[in-house]
Each structure stands twice: as C-alpha cells, then as structure tokens.
C-alpha atoms as a PDB file:
ATOM      1  CA  MET A   1     108.764  19.971  44.090  1.00  0.00           C
ATOM      2  CA  THR A   2     108.078  22.768  46.554  1.00  0.00           C
ATOM      3  CA  PRO A   3     110.211  23.448  49.658  1.00  0.00           C
ATOM      4  CA  ASP A   4     107.278  22.425  51.861  1.00  0.00           C
ATOM      5  CA  GLU A   5     106.922  19.083  50.090  1.00  0.00           C
ATOM      6  CA  ALA A   6     110.668  18.415  50.126  1.00  0.00           C
ATOM      7  CA  LEU A   7     110.889  19.092  53.862  1.00  0.00           C
ATOM      8  CA  ARG A   8     107.879  16.886  54.635  1.00  0.00           C
ATOM      9  CA  ARG A   9     109.313  14.067  52.559  1.00  0.00           C
ATOM     10  CA  ILE A  10     112.591  14.296  54.423  1.00  0.00           C
ATOM     11  CA  ALA A  11     110.724  14.156  57.765  1.00  0.00           C
ATOM     12  CA  PHE A  12     108.900  11.058  56.489  1.00  0.00           C
ATOM     13  CA  LEU A  13     112.098   9.316  55.455  1.00  0.00           C
ATOM     14  CA  LEU A  14     113.861  10.179  58.684  1.00  0.00           C
ATOM     15  CA  GLU A  15     110.924   8.670  60.580  1.00  0.00           C
ATOM     16  CA  TRP A  16     111.164   5.607  58.323  1.00  0.00           C
ATOM     17  CA  ARG A  17     114.780   5.213  59.421  1.00  0.00           C
ATOM     18  CA  GLY A  18     113.929   5.751  63.110  1.00  0.00           C
ATOM     19  CA  ALA A  19     115.891   9.001  63.385  1.00  0.00           C
ATOM     20  CA  SER A  20     115.808  11.173  66.478  1.00  0.00           C
ATOM     21  CA  PRO A  21     112.389  12.777  66.994  1.00  0.00           C
ATOM     22  CA  TYR A  22     114.182  16.141  67.283  1.00  0.00           C
ATOM     23  CA  ARG A  23     115.525  15.755  63.731  1.00  0.00           C
ATOM     24  CA  VAL A  24     112.111  14.721  62.380  1.00  0.00           C
ATOM     25  CA  ARG A  25     110.405  17.634  64.079  1.00  0.00           C
ATOM     26  CA  ALA A  26     113.038  20.089  62.818  1.00  0.00           C
ATOM     27  CA  PHE A  27     112.015  19.403  59.220  1.00  0.00           C
ATOM     28  CA  HIS A  28     108.330  19.733  60.015  1.00  0.00           C
ATOM     29  CA  THR A  29     109.046  23.034  61.743  1.00  0.00           C
ATOM     30  CA  ALA A  30     110.979  24.308  58.741  1.00  0.00           C
ATOM     31  CA  ALA A  31     108.133  23.214  56.445  1.00  0.00           C
ATOM     32  CA  ASP A  32     105.722  25.257  58.544  1.00  0.00           C
ATOM     33  CA  ALA A  33     108.024  28.276  58.126  1.00  0.00           C
ATOM     34  CA  VAL A  34     108.056  28.157  54.307  1.00  0.00           C
ATOM     35  CA  ARG A  35     104.376  27.418  53.606  1.00  0.00           C
ATOM     36  CA  ASP A  36     103.531  31.060  52.941  1.00  0.00           C
ATOM     37  CA  LEU A  37     106.609  31.961  50.895  1.00  0.00           C
ATOM     38  CA  PRO A  38     105.796  33.209  47.383  1.00  0.00           C
ATOM     39  CA  PRO A  39     106.818  30.945  44.488  1.00  0.00           C
ATOM     40  CA  GLY A  40     110.285  31.339  43.059  1.00  0.00           C
ATOM     41  CA  PRO A  41     113.919  30.867  44.052  1.00  0.00           C
ATOM     42  CA  VAL A  42     114.879  31.448  47.666  1.00  0.00           C
ATOM     43  CA  ASP A  43     118.520  32.002  48.558  1.00  0.00           C
ATOM     44  CA  ALA A  44     119.788  29.871  51.455  1.00  0.00           C
ATOM     45  CA  ALA A  45     121.129  32.993  53.170  1.00  0.00           C
ATOM     46  CA  ARG A  46     117.595  34.387  53.178  1.00  0.00           C
ATOM     47  CA  ALA A  47     115.946  31.122  54.223  1.00  0.00           C
ATOM     48  CA  ILE A  48     118.142  30.726  57.291  1.00  0.00           C
ATOM     49  CA  HIS A  49     116.559  33.838  58.776  1.00  0.00           C
ATOM     50  CA  LEU A  50     113.139  32.206  58.819  1.00  0.00           C
ATOM     51  CA  ARG A  51     111.981  31.056  62.226  1.00  0.00           C
ATOM     52  CA  GLY A  52     112.833  27.415  62.831  1.00  0.00           C
ATOM     53  CA  VAL A  53     115.164  27.106  59.811  1.00  0.00           C
ATOM     54  CA  GLY A  54     118.801  26.050  60.221  1.00  0.00           C
ATOM     55  CA  PRO A  55     121.695  25.546  57.769  1.00  0.00           C
ATOM     56  CA  VAL A  56     120.577  22.094  56.566  1.00  0.00           C
ATOM     57  CA  THR A  57     116.947  22.993  56.104  1.00  0.00           C
ATOM     58  CA  ALA A  58     117.922  26.306  54.480  1.00  0.00           C
ATOM     59  CA  ASP A  59     119.876  24.403  51.812  1.00  0.00           C
ATOM     60  CA  VAL A  60     116.885  22.134  51.221  1.00  0.00           C
ATOM     61  CA  ILE A  61     114.608  25.141  50.863  1.00  0.00           C
ATOM     62  CA  SER A  62     116.963  26.889  48.462  1.00  0.00           C
ATOM     63  CA  GLN A  63     117.349  23.862  46.181  1.00  0.00           C
ATOM     64  CA  ALA A  64     113.664  22.892  46.210  1.00  0.00           C
ATOM     65  CA  SER A  65     112.570  26.473  45.524  1.00  0.00           C
ATOM     66  CA  THR A  66     114.085  26.135  42.021  1.00  0.00           C
ATOM     67  CA  GLY A  67     112.080  22.967  41.394  1.00  0.00           C
ATOM     68  CA  ALA A  68     115.032  20.638  41.935  1.00  0.00           C
ATOM     69  CA  VAL A  69     115.136  17.613  44.188  1.00  0.00           C
ATOM     70  CA  PRO A  70     117.369  18.693  47.098  1.00  0.00           C
ATOM     71  CA  ASP A  71     120.601  16.753  47.561  1.00  0.00           C
ATOM     72  CA  TYR A  72     119.651  15.754  51.127  1.00  0.00           C
ATOM     73  CA  LEU A  73     116.327  14.309  49.944  1.00  0.00           C
ATOM     74  CA  ALA A  74     117.890  12.514  46.972  1.00  0.00           C
ATOM     75  CA  ARG A  75     120.449  10.853  49.242  1.00  0.00           C
ATOM     76  CA  LEU A  76     117.760   9.691  51.674  1.00  0.00           C
ATOM     77  CA  GLN A  77     115.609   8.330  48.871  1.00  0.00           C
ATOM     78  CA  ASP A  78     118.545   6.318  47.519  1.00  0.00           C
ATOM     79  CA  GLU A  79     119.346   4.965  50.971  1.00  0.00           C
ATOM     80  CA  THR A  80     115.781   3.971  51.879  1.00  0.00           C
ATOM     81  CA  GLY A  81     114.787   2.477  48.525  1.00  0.00           C
ATOM     82  CA  PRO A  82     111.455   1.705  46.867  1.00  0.00           C
ATOM     83  CA  ASP A  83     109.680   0.463  49.994  1.00  0.00           C
ATOM     84  CA  ALA A  84     109.954   3.915  51.546  1.00  0.00           C
ATOM     85  CA  ARG A  85     108.604   5.523  48.391  1.00  0.00           C
ATOM     86  CA  ALA A  86     105.670   3.131  48.504  1.00  0.00           C
ATOM     87  CA  GLY A  87     105.144   4.248  52.081  1.00  0.00           C
ATOM     88  CA  TRP A  88     104.867   7.843  50.922  1.00  0.00           C
ATOM     89  CA  ASP A  89     102.129   6.749  48.551  1.00  0.00           C
ATOM     90  CA  LEU A  90     100.337   5.139  51.524  1.00  0.00           C
ATOM     91  CA  ALA A  91     100.502   8.458  53.351  1.00  0.00           C
ATOM     92  CA  ALA A  92      99.023  10.154  50.296  1.00  0.00           C
ATOM     93  CA  ALA A  93      96.051   7.768  50.531  1.00  0.00           C
ATOM     94  CA  SER A  94      95.042   9.167  53.908  1.00  0.00           C
ATOM     95  CA  THR A  95      91.404  10.211  54.069  1.00  0.00           C
ATOM     96  CA  GLY A  96      91.192  11.496  57.625  1.00  0.00           C
ATOM     97  CA  ASP A  97      92.482  11.816  61.159  1.00  0.00           C
ATOM     98  CA  CYS A  98      90.765  10.356  64.248  1.00  0.00           C
ATOM     99  CA  HIS A  99      92.365  12.525  66.907  1.00  0.00           C
ATOM    100  CA  LEU A 100      92.570  16.313  67.084  1.00  0.00           C
ATOM    101  CA  HIS A 101      91.940  18.948  69.746  1.00  0.00           C
ATOM    102  CA  SER A 102      90.579  22.492  69.723  1.00  0.00           C
ATOM    103  CA  ASP A 103      90.566  25.347  72.206  1.00  0.00           C
ATOM    104  CA  TRP A 104      87.459  23.827  73.762  1.00  0.00           C
ATOM    105  CA  SER A 105      89.935  21.669  75.755  1.00  0.00           C
ATOM    106  CA  ASP A 106      93.760  21.908  75.583  1.00  0.00           C
ATOM    107  CA  GLY A 107      94.192  22.772  71.913  1.00  0.00           C
ATOM    108  CA  GLY A 108      95.293  26.233  70.895  1.00  0.00           C
ATOM    109  CA  SER A 109      92.955  26.963  67.989  1.00  0.00           C
ATOM    110  CA  PRO A 110      89.232  27.280  67.340  1.00  0.00           C
ATOM    111  CA  ILE A 111      87.248  24.372  65.886  1.00  0.00           C
ATOM    112  CA  GLU A 112      86.898  26.282  62.588  1.00  0.00           C
ATOM    113  CA  ASP A 113      90.683  26.552  62.165  1.00  0.00           C
ATOM    114  CA  MET A 114      91.204  22.829  62.796  1.00  0.00           C
ATOM    115  CA  ALA A 115      88.487  21.946  60.279  1.00  0.00           C
ATOM    116  CA  ASP A 116      89.898  24.317  57.663  1.00  0.00           C
ATOM    117  CA  ALA A 117      93.367  22.813  58.120  1.00  0.00           C
ATOM    118  CA  ALA A 118      92.019  19.293  57.617  1.00  0.00           C
ATOM    119  CA  ARG A 119      90.200  20.370  54.491  1.00  0.00           C
ATOM    120  CA  ALA A 120      93.326  22.127  53.120  1.00  0.00           C
ATOM    121  CA  LEU A 121      95.242  18.857  53.481  1.00  0.00           C
ATOM    122  CA  GLY A 122      92.667  17.098  51.341  1.00  0.00           C
ATOM    123  CA  HIS A 123      91.097  15.114  54.172  1.00  0.00           C
ATOM    124  CA  GLN A 124      87.606  13.792  53.529  1.00  0.00           C
ATOM    125  CA  TRP A 125      86.941  13.770  57.260  1.00  0.00           C
ATOM    126  CA  ALA A 126      88.532  14.529  60.614  1.00  0.00           C
ATOM    127  CA  VAL A 127      87.338  13.812  64.139  1.00  0.00           C
ATOM    128  CA  LEU A 128      87.244  16.460  66.868  1.00  0.00           C
ATOM    129  CA  THR A 129      88.301  14.658  70.053  1.00  0.00           C
ATOM    130  CA  ASP A 130      88.593  17.127  72.873  1.00  0.00           C
ATOM    131  CA  HIS A 131      89.157  15.731  76.336  1.00  0.00           C
ATOM    132  CA  SER A 132      86.550  14.365  78.772  1.00  0.00           C
ATOM    133  CA  PRO A 133      85.678  15.905  82.155  1.00  0.00           C
ATOM    134  CA  ARG A 134      88.148  14.160  84.475  1.00  0.00           C
ATOM    135  CA  LEU A 135      91.146  15.696  82.707  1.00  0.00           C
ATOM    136  CA  THR A 136      90.619  19.070  84.360  1.00  0.00           C
ATOM    137  CA  ILE A 137      94.171  20.212  83.528  1.00  0.00           C
ATOM    138  CA  ALA A 138      93.114  19.983  79.870  1.00  0.00           C
ATOM    139  CA  HIS A 139      89.758  21.699  80.450  1.00  0.00           C
ATOM    140  CA  GLY A 140      87.879  18.502  79.662  1.00  0.00           C
ATOM    141  CA  LEU A 141      84.315  18.697  78.406  1.00  0.00           C
ATOM    142  CA  SER A 142      81.445  18.185  80.802  1.00  0.00           C
ATOM    143  CA  PRO A 143      78.328  16.557  79.298  1.00  0.00           C
ATOM    144  CA  GLU A 144      76.771  20.007  78.953  1.00  0.00           C
ATOM    145  CA  ARG A 145      79.798  21.461  77.137  1.00  0.00           C
ATOM    146  CA  LEU A 146      80.017  18.408  74.885  1.00  0.00           C
ATOM    147  CA  ARG A 147      76.364  18.839  73.879  1.00  0.00           C
ATOM    148  CA  SER A 148      77.139  22.452  73.031  1.00  0.00           C
ATOM    149  CA  GLN A 149      80.133  21.326  70.995  1.00  0.00           C
ATOM    150  CA  LEU A 150      77.926  19.045  68.914  1.00  0.00           C
ATOM    151  CA  GLU A 151      75.985  22.137  67.849  1.00  0.00           C
ATOM    152  CA  ALA A 152      79.204  24.003  67.104  1.00  0.00           C
ATOM    153  CA  VAL A 153      80.473  21.140  64.914  1.00  0.00           C
ATOM    154  CA  ALA A 154      77.187  21.137  62.960  1.00  0.00           C
ATOM    155  CA  ALA A 155      77.624  24.849  62.328  1.00  0.00           C
ATOM    156  CA  VAL A 156      81.188  24.340  61.093  1.00  0.00           C
ATOM    157  CA  ASN A 157      80.079  21.596  58.713  1.00  0.00           C
ATOM    158  CA  SER A 158      77.409  23.811  57.273  1.00  0.00           C
ATOM    159  CA  ARG A 159      80.143  26.340  56.394  1.00  0.00           C
ATOM    160  CA  ILE A 160      83.009  24.204  55.097  1.00  0.00           C
ATOM    161  CA  GLY A 161      80.911  22.383  52.507  1.00  0.00           C
ATOM    162  CA  PRO A 162      80.666  18.767  51.341  1.00  0.00           C
ATOM    163  CA  ASP A 163      84.326  18.055  50.532  1.00  0.00           C
ATOM    164  CA  CYS A 164      85.365  17.566  54.167  1.00  0.00           C
ATOM    165  CA  ARG A 165      83.257  16.635  57.158  1.00  0.00           C
ATOM    166  CA  LEU A 166      84.216  17.326  60.743  1.00  0.00           C
ATOM    167  CA  LEU A 167      83.061  14.375  62.825  1.00  0.00           C
ATOM    168  CA  THR A 168      81.942  14.547  66.434  1.00  0.00           C
ATOM    169  CA  GLY A 169      84.100  12.706  68.936  1.00  0.00           C
ATOM    170  CA  ILE A 170      85.922  12.744  72.221  1.00  0.00           C
ATOM    171  CA  GLU A 171      89.189  11.552  73.738  1.00  0.00           C
ATOM    172  CA  CYS A 172      87.671   9.803  76.702  1.00  0.00           C
ATOM    173  CA  ASP A 173      89.666   9.074  79.826  1.00  0.00           C
ATOM    174  CA  ILE A 174      89.884   5.404  80.777  1.00  0.00           C
ATOM    175  CA  LEU A 175      89.088   5.343  84.493  1.00  0.00           C
ATOM    176  CA  ASP A 176      90.706   3.038  87.038  1.00  0.00           C
ATOM    177  CA  ASP A 177      88.116   0.311  86.526  1.00  0.00           C
ATOM    178  CA  GLY A 178      88.192   0.563  82.733  1.00  0.00           C
ATOM    179  CA  SER A 179      84.985   2.544  82.426  1.00  0.00           C
ATOM    180  CA  LEU A 180      84.787   5.746  80.368  1.00  0.00           C
ATOM    181  CA  ASP A 181      84.675   9.292  81.644  1.00  0.00           C
ATOM    182  CA  GLN A 182      81.509  10.443  79.890  1.00  0.00           C
ATOM    183  CA  ASP A 183      77.802   9.682  79.822  1.00  0.00           C
ATOM    184  CA  ASP A 184      77.158   6.487  77.883  1.00  0.00           C
ATOM    185  CA  ASP A 185      74.132   7.860  76.061  1.00  0.00           C
ATOM    186  CA  LEU A 186      76.147  10.866  74.965  1.00  0.00           C
ATOM    187  CA  LEU A 187      78.994   8.664  73.764  1.00  0.00           C
ATOM    188  CA  GLY A 188      76.439   6.850  71.606  1.00  0.00           C
ATOM    189  CA  ARG A 189      75.628  10.118  69.825  1.00  0.00           C
ATOM    190  CA  LEU A 190      79.220  10.679  68.733  1.00  0.00           C
ATOM    191  CA  ASP A 191      80.703   9.627  65.416  1.00  0.00           C
ATOM    192  CA  LEU A 192      83.901   8.207  67.000  1.00  0.00           C
ATOM    193  CA  VAL A 193      85.423   7.708  70.445  1.00  0.00           C
ATOM    194  CA  VAL A 194      89.134   7.558  71.264  1.00  0.00           C
ATOM    195  CA  ALA A 195      89.846   6.122  74.731  1.00  0.00           C
ATOM    196  CA  SER A 196      93.171   6.825  76.442  1.00  0.00           C
ATOM    197  CA  VAL A 197      94.799   6.328  79.839  1.00  0.00           C
ATOM    198  CA  HIS A 198      95.927   9.663  81.306  1.00  0.00           C
ATOM    199  CA  SER A 199      96.263   8.884  85.023  1.00  0.00           C
ATOM    200  CA  LYS A 200      98.167   6.398  87.189  1.00  0.00           C
ATOM    201  CA  LEU A 201     100.406   5.606  84.229  1.00  0.00           C
ATOM    202  CA  ARG A 202     102.835   3.754  86.505  1.00  0.00           C
ATOM    203  CA  SER A 203     100.258   1.308  87.834  1.00  0.00           C
ATOM    204  CA  GLU A 204     101.201  -2.323  88.261  1.00  0.00           C
ATOM    205  CA  ARG A 205     100.953  -4.497  85.154  1.00  0.00           C
ATOM    206  CA  GLY A 206      97.900  -6.468  86.264  1.00  0.00           C
ATOM    207  CA  PRO A 207      95.595  -3.577  87.128  1.00  0.00           C
ATOM    208  CA  MET A 208      96.664  -1.635  84.036  1.00  0.00           C
ATOM    209  CA  THR A 209      95.960  -4.636  81.811  1.00  0.00           C
ATOM    210  CA  ALA A 210      92.517  -5.144  83.309  1.00  0.00           C
ATOM    211  CA  ARG A 211      91.765  -1.442  82.927  1.00  0.00           C
ATOM    212  CA  MET A 212      92.739  -1.425  79.258  1.00  0.00           C
ATOM    213  CA  LEU A 213      90.963  -4.687  78.437  1.00  0.00           C
ATOM    214  CA  ALA A 214      87.695  -3.358  79.814  1.00  0.00           C
ATOM    215  CA  ALA A 215      88.005  -0.200  77.737  1.00  0.00           C
ATOM    216  CA  VAL A 216      88.907  -1.758  74.378  1.00  0.00           C
ATOM    217  CA  ARG A 217      86.078  -4.282  74.713  1.00  0.00           C
ATOM    218  CA  ASN A 218      83.567  -1.478  75.331  1.00  0.00           C
ATOM    219  CA  PRO A 219      81.462  -1.185  72.151  1.00  0.00           C
ATOM    220  CA  ARG A 220      81.520   2.594  72.452  1.00  0.00           C
ATOM    221  CA  VAL A 221      85.309   2.681  71.994  1.00  0.00           C
ATOM    222  CA  ASP A 222      86.628   2.861  68.416  1.00  0.00           C
ATOM    223  CA  VAL A 223      90.319   3.693  68.969  1.00  0.00           C
ATOM    224  CA  LEU A 224      92.772   2.975  71.783  1.00  0.00           C
ATOM    225  CA  GLY A 225      94.812   6.172  72.063  1.00  0.00           C
ATOM    226  CA  HIS A 226      98.601   6.385  72.720  1.00  0.00           C
ATOM    227  CA  CYS A 227      98.564   3.025  74.451  1.00  0.00           C
ATOM    228  CA  THR A 228     101.763   3.278  76.523  1.00  0.00           C
ATOM    229  CA  GLY A 229     101.508   6.928  77.493  1.00  0.00           C
ATOM    230  CA  ARG A 230     105.264   7.321  76.990  1.00  0.00           C
ATOM    231  CA  ILE A 231     107.101  10.586  76.283  1.00  0.00           C
ATOM    232  CA  ILE A 232     110.484  10.226  74.581  1.00  0.00           C
ATOM    233  CA  THR A 233     111.751  13.824  74.509  1.00  0.00           C
ATOM    234  CA  GLY A 234     112.765  16.241  77.243  1.00  0.00           C
ATOM    235  CA  ARG A 235     112.565  14.757  80.699  1.00  0.00           C
ATOM    236  CA  GLY A 236     110.513  11.951  79.206  1.00  0.00           C
ATOM    237  CA  ARG A 237     108.081   9.507  80.733  1.00  0.00           C
ATOM    238  CA  PRO A 238     108.439   5.710  80.770  1.00  0.00           C
ATOM    239  CA  GLN A 239     105.857   3.594  79.039  1.00  0.00           C
ATOM    240  CA  SER A 240     103.109   1.967  81.072  1.00  0.00           C
ATOM    241  CA  ARG A 241     103.384  -1.723  81.874  1.00  0.00           C
ATOM    242  CA  PHE A 242     100.568  -4.001  80.633  1.00  0.00           C
ATOM    243  CA  ASP A 243     100.067  -7.378  78.965  1.00  0.00           C
ATOM    244  CA  ALA A 244     100.369  -6.133  75.390  1.00  0.00           C
ATOM    245  CA  GLU A 245      99.552  -9.522  73.815  1.00  0.00           C
ATOM    246  CA  ALA A 246      96.260  -9.707  75.743  1.00  0.00           C
ATOM    247  CA  VAL A 247      95.321  -6.086  75.056  1.00  0.00           C
ATOM    248  CA  PHE A 248      96.067  -6.268  71.333  1.00  0.00           C
ATOM    249  CA  ALA A 249      94.264  -9.606  71.017  1.00  0.00           C
ATOM    250  CA  ALA A 250      91.229  -7.935  72.581  1.00  0.00           C
ATOM    251  CA  CYS A 251      91.542  -4.986  70.209  1.00  0.00           C
ATOM    252  CA  ALA A 252      91.645  -7.333  67.224  1.00  0.00           C
ATOM    253  CA  GLU A 253      88.621  -9.289  68.456  1.00  0.00           C
ATOM    254  CA  ALA A 254      86.581  -6.141  69.172  1.00  0.00           C
ATOM    255  CA  CYS A 255      87.766  -4.286  66.022  1.00  0.00           C
ATOM    256  CA  THR A 256      89.075  -1.475  68.226  1.00  0.00           C
ATOM    257  CA  ALA A 257      91.815   0.256  66.274  1.00  0.00           C
ATOM    258  CA  VAL A 258      95.212   0.812  67.892  1.00  0.00           C
ATOM    259  CA  GLU A 259      96.389   4.371  67.449  1.00  0.00           C
ATOM    260  CA  ILE A 260      99.747   5.081  65.813  1.00  0.00           C
ATOM    261  CA  ASN A 261     100.268   8.427  67.492  1.00  0.00           C
ATOM    262  CA  CYS A 262     102.268  10.804  65.247  1.00  0.00           C
ATOM    263  CA  ARG A 263     103.342  13.333  67.865  1.00  0.00           C
ATOM    264  CA  PRO A 264     107.184  13.361  67.740  1.00  0.00           C
ATOM    265  CA  GLU A 265     107.433  13.212  71.493  1.00  0.00           C
ATOM    266  CA  ARG A 266     105.260  10.093  71.661  1.00  0.00           C
ATOM    267  CA  ARG A 267     105.866   7.698  68.734  1.00  0.00           C
ATOM    268  CA  ASP A 268     103.374   5.503  70.544  1.00  0.00           C
ATOM    269  CA  PRO A 269     103.277   2.523  70.422  1.00  0.00           C
ATOM    270  CA  PRO A 270     107.043   1.885  70.250  1.00  0.00           C
ATOM    271  CA  ASP A 271     108.302  -0.286  67.400  1.00  0.00           C
ATOM    272  CA  ASP A 272     108.201  -3.593  69.237  1.00  0.00           C
ATOM    273  CA  LEU A 273     104.613  -3.145  70.388  1.00  0.00           C
ATOM    274  CA  LEU A 274     103.554  -1.820  66.977  1.00  0.00           C
ATOM    275  CA  ALA A 275     104.876  -5.018  65.407  1.00  0.00           C
ATOM    276  CA  LEU A 276     103.100  -7.073  68.102  1.00  0.00           C
ATOM    277  CA  ALA A 277      99.789  -5.343  67.404  1.00  0.00           C
ATOM    278  CA  ALA A 278     100.248  -5.907  63.677  1.00  0.00           C
ATOM    279  CA  ALA A 279     100.889  -9.603  64.241  1.00  0.00           C
ATOM    280  CA  ALA A 280      97.769  -9.796  66.412  1.00  0.00           C
ATOM    281  CA  GLY A 281      95.669  -8.628  63.433  1.00  0.00           C
ATOM    282  CA  CYS A 282      94.735  -5.225  64.804  1.00  0.00           C
ATOM    283  CA  LEU A 283      93.331  -2.336  62.843  1.00  0.00           C
ATOM    284  CA  PHE A 284      95.207   0.957  63.251  1.00  0.00           C
ATOM    285  CA  ALA A 285      94.447   4.668  63.209  1.00  0.00           C
ATOM    286  CA  VAL A 286      97.305   6.925  62.092  1.00  0.00           C
ATOM    287  CA  ASP A 287      96.511  10.008  64.205  1.00  0.00           C
ATOM    288  CA  THR A 288      98.229  13.291  64.741  1.00  0.00           C
ATOM    289  CA  ASP A 289      96.779  14.108  68.169  1.00  0.00           C
ATOM    290  CA  ALA A 290      97.041  17.656  66.791  1.00  0.00           C
ATOM    291  CA  HIS A 291      96.631  20.599  69.162  1.00  0.00           C
ATOM    292  CA  ALA A 292      97.224  23.184  66.419  1.00  0.00           C
ATOM    293  CA  PRO A 293      96.440  23.319  62.671  1.00  0.00           C
ATOM    294  CA  GLU A 294     100.030  22.853  61.495  1.00  0.00           C
ATOM    295  CA  GLN A 295     100.368  19.661  63.544  1.00  0.00           C
ATOM    296  CA  LEU A 296      97.912  17.908  61.246  1.00  0.00           C
ATOM    297  CA  ARG A 297     100.835  17.679  58.807  1.00  0.00           C
ATOM    298  CA  TRP A 298     102.662  15.295  61.150  1.00  0.00           C
ATOM    299  CA  GLN A 299     100.500  12.431  59.944  1.00  0.00           C
ATOM    300  CA  SER A 300     102.870  11.322  57.201  1.00  0.00           C
ATOM    301  CA  THR A 301     105.453  10.238  59.763  1.00  0.00           C
ATOM    302  CA  GLY A 302     102.944   7.834  61.323  1.00  0.00           C
ATOM    303  CA  TYR A 303     102.384   6.310  57.905  1.00  0.00           C
ATOM    304  CA  ALA A 304     106.140   5.855  57.625  1.00  0.00           C
ATOM    305  CA  ARG A 305     106.055   3.659  60.711  1.00  0.00           C
ATOM    306  CA  ALA A 306     103.013   1.752  59.414  1.00  0.00           C
ATOM    307  CA  ALA A 307     104.557   1.123  56.023  1.00  0.00           C
ATOM    308  CA  ARG A 308     107.880   0.083  57.525  1.00  0.00           C
ATOM    309  CA  ILE A 309     106.244  -2.956  59.169  1.00  0.00           C
ATOM    310  CA  GLY A 310     104.189  -3.805  56.076  1.00  0.00           C
ATOM    311  CA  LEU A 311     100.760  -2.490  57.025  1.00  0.00           C
ATOM    312  CA  GLY A 312      98.533  -1.790  54.027  1.00  0.00           C
ATOM    313  CA  ALA A 313      95.676   0.662  53.613  1.00  0.00           C
ATOM    314  CA  ASP A 314      92.979  -1.884  54.503  1.00  0.00           C
ATOM    315  CA  ARG A 315      94.353  -2.154  58.072  1.00  0.00           C
ATOM    316  CA  LEU A 316      94.518   1.622  58.500  1.00  0.00           C
ATOM    317  CA  ILE A 317      91.119   3.171  59.220  1.00  0.00           C
ATOM    318  CA  THR A 318      92.479   6.631  58.479  1.00  0.00           C
ATOM    319  CA  THR A 319      92.598   5.622  54.789  1.00  0.00           C
ATOM    320  CA  TRP A 320      88.970   4.481  54.767  1.00  0.00           C
ATOM    321  CA  PRO A 321      86.199   6.422  53.036  1.00  0.00           C
ATOM    322  CA  LEU A 322      83.809   8.160  55.412  1.00  0.00           C
ATOM    323  CA  ARG A 323      80.965   5.760  54.695  1.00  0.00           C
ATOM    324  CA  ARG A 324      83.066   2.754  55.640  1.00  0.00           C
ATOM    325  CA  LEU A 325      84.352   4.420  58.801  1.00  0.00           C
ATOM    326  CA  LEU A 326      80.833   5.264  59.982  1.00  0.00           C
ATOM    327  CA  ALA A 327      79.499   1.828  59.062  1.00  0.00           C
ATOM    328  CA  ALA A 328      82.211   0.211  61.186  1.00  0.00           C
ATOM    329  CA  ARG A 329      81.198   2.444  64.085  1.00  0.00           C
ATOM    330  CA  SER A 330      77.563   1.443  63.658  1.00  0.00           C
ATOM    331  CA  ASP A 331      78.462  -2.241  63.609  1.00  0.00           C
ATOM    332  CA  ARG A 332      80.208  -1.901  66.986  1.00  0.00           C
ATOM    333  CA  GLN A 333      77.214  -0.404  68.767  1.00  0.00           C
END
C-alpha cells in the first residue's frame, strides 16, 4: 500500500461514515502532496513539512511508506466493516466521469491536462462539461466557442490514444422556464449534457419544481447536476426548495441520471434526497465536477455515498462501458 492509496482509502471511509467535509478533504489534500514522492520510507517528521500535511496524515504517510497498513486506516476498516470494503471495490469499477471543467470556462487547467489526468486514473472516458453562455462569471461558452472546443477535443483524442476518450459535453444552465442555455442543434452534436440550476436558487418551491421538471424531461439532458445547489462549507448556501419526489420520478421515467456530486463543499444531493432518488429508481452519475486535475481523485468519496445506500454498478452510469453510455444517449434523442 502506498501513502497515496492509504490516504484516499481513509477519505473514502470517512465519507462513508459521513464525517466533516473538512476532514475528508484534508486526506485528499495530503494524498495530492505525496503523489510525487519517490518510493521508500518517509519519516513522519519529514512528511509534516509537505504542503497540506498535518500530524495525523504525516503518521499515515510514514506507516504506509513502509508498505504497512496505517493504524488509522486499519481502525476505520474495522469500524466500517465489509460493506465499506465492497464500496471501495465499486469505486474501483469506475469507468468515467461525466462532469469536469477546463480553462475554457472556470477550470484552472487546459483540456489536455484534464484528459491526461483522467487517463492516468484508468478512466475509459471522461466528459468535458464547461459552462454555457449565461454563466458569464464562469466564462461560459458561446455557440462559436463551443464549436471551437469540439475541434480542440478531437485534437486531444488524437494524441492521448485509444485507452481513454475525452467526450464532448457541456454543463448547461437551466433557465427560468426550464429551457437550456445553448443552441438545441449544437446540444445534439455533443456526447453528453449535464443540466444544472445556477441562478435564482432561492426561488419558491413551485416555480423551481416546474423549471427542473422541464429540464430533466428534455431529451437532450443526460444528467441533472448538483440538484439542490447547496454549499455546506464556509459561509454556505442553503439547498433549493423543490418537489423532490416529482423531480426524481421524472428523472427515472426519462432515464436522466441524478448526479452524486463529489465536491466536498457540495455533497449534493444530501443523504435524504439521495435515498429518495434511489427509491424512485433513478440512475446516477458519480461526478467530481473537477476544476483541476487532482480533483478527479475525489470520485471515490461519491462512490462511498452510493454504496452506503446500496446502489450497485448497474445504476451508476459512471461505471458503464463507453459503448453503453453512448447508446443510452442515442436512445434519448
């Protein structure tokens, strides 16, 4: 076991137990810090000087660097039991990620870097979903810029080879009337569309429900992104109010996947709504909403939440082979 793997497993198990998002993120941050360390023993006193590493994570790094299972991890594994270990296997079955951003909108890295990171993780596919025009604060893509991005994605795919394919996509803003913020013909050219509410998040329950129902029933929409819009760290942001039973029933009927957003500050949907969507028969996409390459590694914590409520791989489109994913998209058009 490497320090990186030990730290990621701890983050997964903490998420499984519903620990503070700050604790979960701390272990991901420490894992980022040790990825480039050379093999061999690392003293805890040395590890603690790495950026983002504290006393607890330094001890984990030191013990794992010798090939041992760290005490902290062993204790968590004993406490969480075999179901959590099965959840880790579910995370290992991931084939892709439906939601990531580049520096074409509000991400911090070029498309090439995001594609390389997905390939390094062993993904068979990943979907580039930069923002649509209305989200000007995120430098959303006009139709002209999106057309240019399609050419850029084709160029990246020609370079990275057949093992991993970067799919074309967009995170489309759901407008007030439930329509989508991009040309319909252009949406039809994409491999996958995530639709999310980014404005008027405190609307009344009725209008918000109608808005979301129109979007998830749209055959161009494949995934409903971060459905409540909540933020649970810092100053935070309350979740939007809508008729979740009606929205999730519509998602199940239309085969629109509900996103399990892996960003630590989101954990969206919250546990009660995640269970409600599961009971409604929804499909799910375990997505990182990554804005930087290292954030793609957050995905395992979303699988922890999925496994904890008993979701299997067949309900999680991010475990599907590429052919099945694209066939499902074709069936919806």
